[in-house]
Amino acid sequence: MKAKTVVFIDYANLRASIRELGLFLDLRVLLTYLKKDYGASSLNFYYGLDQKDIKSKGFLEKVSGFGYKVISRDVKYIKVNL
């Protein structure tokens, strides 16, 4: 029986790390790599949906179009008084 590979991507943390390192990540290439080299059968992509940012919804639709299963929740803003 062959093992099943399922991938869970927390994009908020991944994105922050990639930026901090000054790198670029092509999500389409990553998906192809994970499917081809690791036999990933399911790729779950977690990221917040910012209703105040028009590009946010479009980005998640684009990622879904690549073949990821997008799981998102609305971003919550918390006012902090310091």
C-alpha atoms as a PDB file:
ATOM      1  CA  MET A   1       0.000   0.000   0.000  1.00  0.00           C
ATOM      2  CA  LYS A   2       1.453   3.335  -1.068  1.00  0.00           C
ATOM      3  CA  ALA A   3       1.542   6.145   1.479  1.00  0.00           C
ATOM      4  CA  LYS A   4      -0.659   9.151   0.790  1.00  0.00           C
ATOM      5  CA  THR A   5       1.012  12.569   0.841  1.00  0.00           C
ATOM      6  CA  VAL A   6      -1.098  15.526   1.933  1.00  0.00           C
ATOM      7  CA  VAL A   7       0.399  19.029   2.074  1.00  0.00           C
ATOM      8  CA  PHE A   8      -0.691  21.862   4.390  1.00  0.00           C
ATOM      9  CA  ILE A   9       0.667  25.327   3.580  1.00  0.00           C
ATOM     10  CA  ASP A  10       0.292  28.184   6.070  1.00  0.00           C
ATOM     11  CA  TYR A  11       0.953  30.915   3.544  1.00  0.00           C
ATOM     12  CA  ALA A  12       1.088  33.847   5.985  1.00  0.00           C
ATOM     13  CA  ASN A  13       4.111  32.355   7.752  1.00  0.00           C
ATOM     14  CA  LEU A  14       5.680  31.003   4.567  1.00  0.00           C
ATOM     15  CA  ARG A  15       5.319  34.390   2.854  1.00  0.00           C
ATOM     16  CA  ALA A  16       6.917  36.224   5.784  1.00  0.00           C
ATOM     17  CA  SER A  17       9.889  33.853   5.814  1.00  0.00           C
ATOM     18  CA  ILE A  18      10.382  34.066   2.051  1.00  0.00           C
ATOM     19  CA  ARG A  19      10.345  37.876   2.175  1.00  0.00           C
ATOM     20  CA  GLU A  20      12.698  37.988   5.153  1.00  0.00           C
ATOM     21  CA  LEU A  21      15.195  35.885   3.196  1.00  0.00           C
ATOM     22  CA  GLY A  22      14.792  38.100   0.130  1.00  0.00           C
ATOM     23  CA  LEU A  23      13.564  35.188  -1.984  1.00  0.00           C
ATOM     24  CA  PHE A  24      10.690  34.612  -4.395  1.00  0.00           C
ATOM     25  CA  LEU A  25       8.362  31.605  -4.428  1.00  0.00           C
ATOM     26  CA  ASP A  26       6.375  30.604  -7.501  1.00  0.00           C
ATOM     27  CA  LEU A  27       3.321  28.812  -6.113  1.00  0.00           C
ATOM     28  CA  ARG A  28       2.602  27.122  -9.442  1.00  0.00           C
ATOM     29  CA  VAL A  29       6.125  25.634  -9.567  1.00  0.00           C
ATOM     30  CA  LEU A  30       5.834  24.552  -5.918  1.00  0.00           C
ATOM     31  CA  LEU A  31       2.560  22.736  -6.644  1.00  0.00           C
ATOM     32  CA  THR A  32       4.080  20.922  -9.625  1.00  0.00           C
ATOM     33  CA  TYR A  33       7.143  19.961  -7.581  1.00  0.00           C
ATOM     34  CA  LEU A  34       5.117  18.603  -4.663  1.00  0.00           C
ATOM     35  CA  LYS A  35       2.841  16.570  -6.942  1.00  0.00           C
ATOM     36  CA  LYS A  36       5.575  15.230  -9.214  1.00  0.00           C
ATOM     37  CA  ASP A  37       8.410  14.580  -6.737  1.00  0.00           C
ATOM     38  CA  TYR A  38       6.376  13.714  -3.623  1.00  0.00           C
ATOM     39  CA  GLY A  39       3.143  12.395  -5.108  1.00  0.00           C
ATOM     40  CA  ALA A  40       1.052  14.915  -3.158  1.00  0.00           C
ATOM     41  CA  SER A  41      -2.591  14.042  -3.618  1.00  0.00           C
ATOM     42  CA  SER A  42      -3.989  17.043  -1.769  1.00  0.00           C
ATOM     43  CA  LEU A  43      -2.477  20.510  -1.361  1.00  0.00           C
ATOM     44  CA  ASN A  44      -4.241  22.634   1.249  1.00  0.00           C
ATOM     45  CA  PHE A  45      -3.464  26.360   1.179  1.00  0.00           C
ATOM     46  CA  TYR A  46      -4.374  28.382   4.287  1.00  0.00           C
ATOM     47  CA  TYR A  47      -4.444  32.170   4.102  1.00  0.00           C
ATOM     48  CA  GLY A  48      -6.611  34.980   5.457  1.00  0.00           C
ATOM     49  CA  LEU A  49      -9.045  36.854   3.237  1.00  0.00           C
ATOM     50  CA  ASP A  50      -8.750  40.602   3.786  1.00  0.00           C
ATOM     51  CA  GLN A  51     -12.112  42.130   2.819  1.00  0.00           C
ATOM     52  CA  LYS A  52     -10.498  45.600   2.866  1.00  0.00           C
ATOM     53  CA  ASP A  53      -8.015  44.612   0.152  1.00  0.00           C
ATOM     54  CA  ILE A  54      -9.454  44.093  -3.337  1.00  0.00           C
ATOM     55  CA  LYS A  55      -6.441  42.024  -4.421  1.00  0.00           C
ATOM     56  CA  SER A  56      -6.876  39.512  -1.584  1.00  0.00           C
ATOM     57  CA  LYS A  57      -9.850  37.696  -3.109  1.00  0.00           C
ATOM     58  CA  GLY A  58      -8.280  37.679  -6.568  1.00  0.00           C
ATOM     59  CA  PHE A  59      -5.067  36.203  -5.167  1.00  0.00           C
ATOM     60  CA  LEU A  60      -6.936  33.339  -3.507  1.00  0.00           C
ATOM     61  CA  GLU A  61      -8.918  32.667  -6.696  1.00  0.00           C
ATOM     62  CA  LYS A  62      -5.657  32.547  -8.650  1.00  0.00           C
ATOM     63  CA  VAL A  63      -4.092  30.108  -6.169  1.00  0.00           C
ATOM     64  CA  SER A  64      -7.214  27.939  -6.346  1.00  0.00           C
ATOM     65  CA  GLY A  65      -6.905  27.966 -10.130  1.00  0.00           C
ATOM     66  CA  PHE A  66      -3.389  26.537  -9.817  1.00  0.00           C
ATOM     67  CA  GLY A  67      -4.895  23.480  -8.115  1.00  0.00           C
ATOM     68  CA  TYR A  68      -4.571  24.197  -4.395  1.00  0.00           C
ATOM     69  CA  LYS A  69      -7.517  23.654  -2.081  1.00  0.00           C
ATOM     70  CA  VAL A  70      -7.845  27.123  -0.551  1.00  0.00           C
ATOM     71  CA  ILE A  71      -9.028  27.384   3.032  1.00  0.00           C
ATOM     72  CA  SER A  72      -9.466  30.939   4.272  1.00  0.00           C
ATOM     73  CA  ARG A  73     -11.100  32.982   6.962  1.00  0.00           C
ATOM     74  CA  ASP A  74     -11.737  36.698   7.054  1.00  0.00           C
ATOM     75  CA  VAL A  75      -8.863  38.678   8.532  1.00  0.00           C
ATOM     76  CA  LYS A  76      -9.825  40.240  11.856  1.00  0.00           C
ATOM     77  CA  TYR A  77      -8.459  43.614  12.840  1.00  0.00           C
ATOM     78  CA  ILE A  78      -7.967  44.197  16.544  1.00  0.00           C
ATOM     79  CA  LYS A  79      -7.545  47.734  17.764  1.00  0.00           C
ATOM     80  CA  VAL A  80      -4.759  48.025  20.303  1.00  0.00           C
ATOM     81  CA  ASN A  81      -4.278  51.102  22.444  1.00  0.00           C
ATOM     82  CA  LEU A  82      -0.760  51.489  23.753  1.00  0.00           C
END
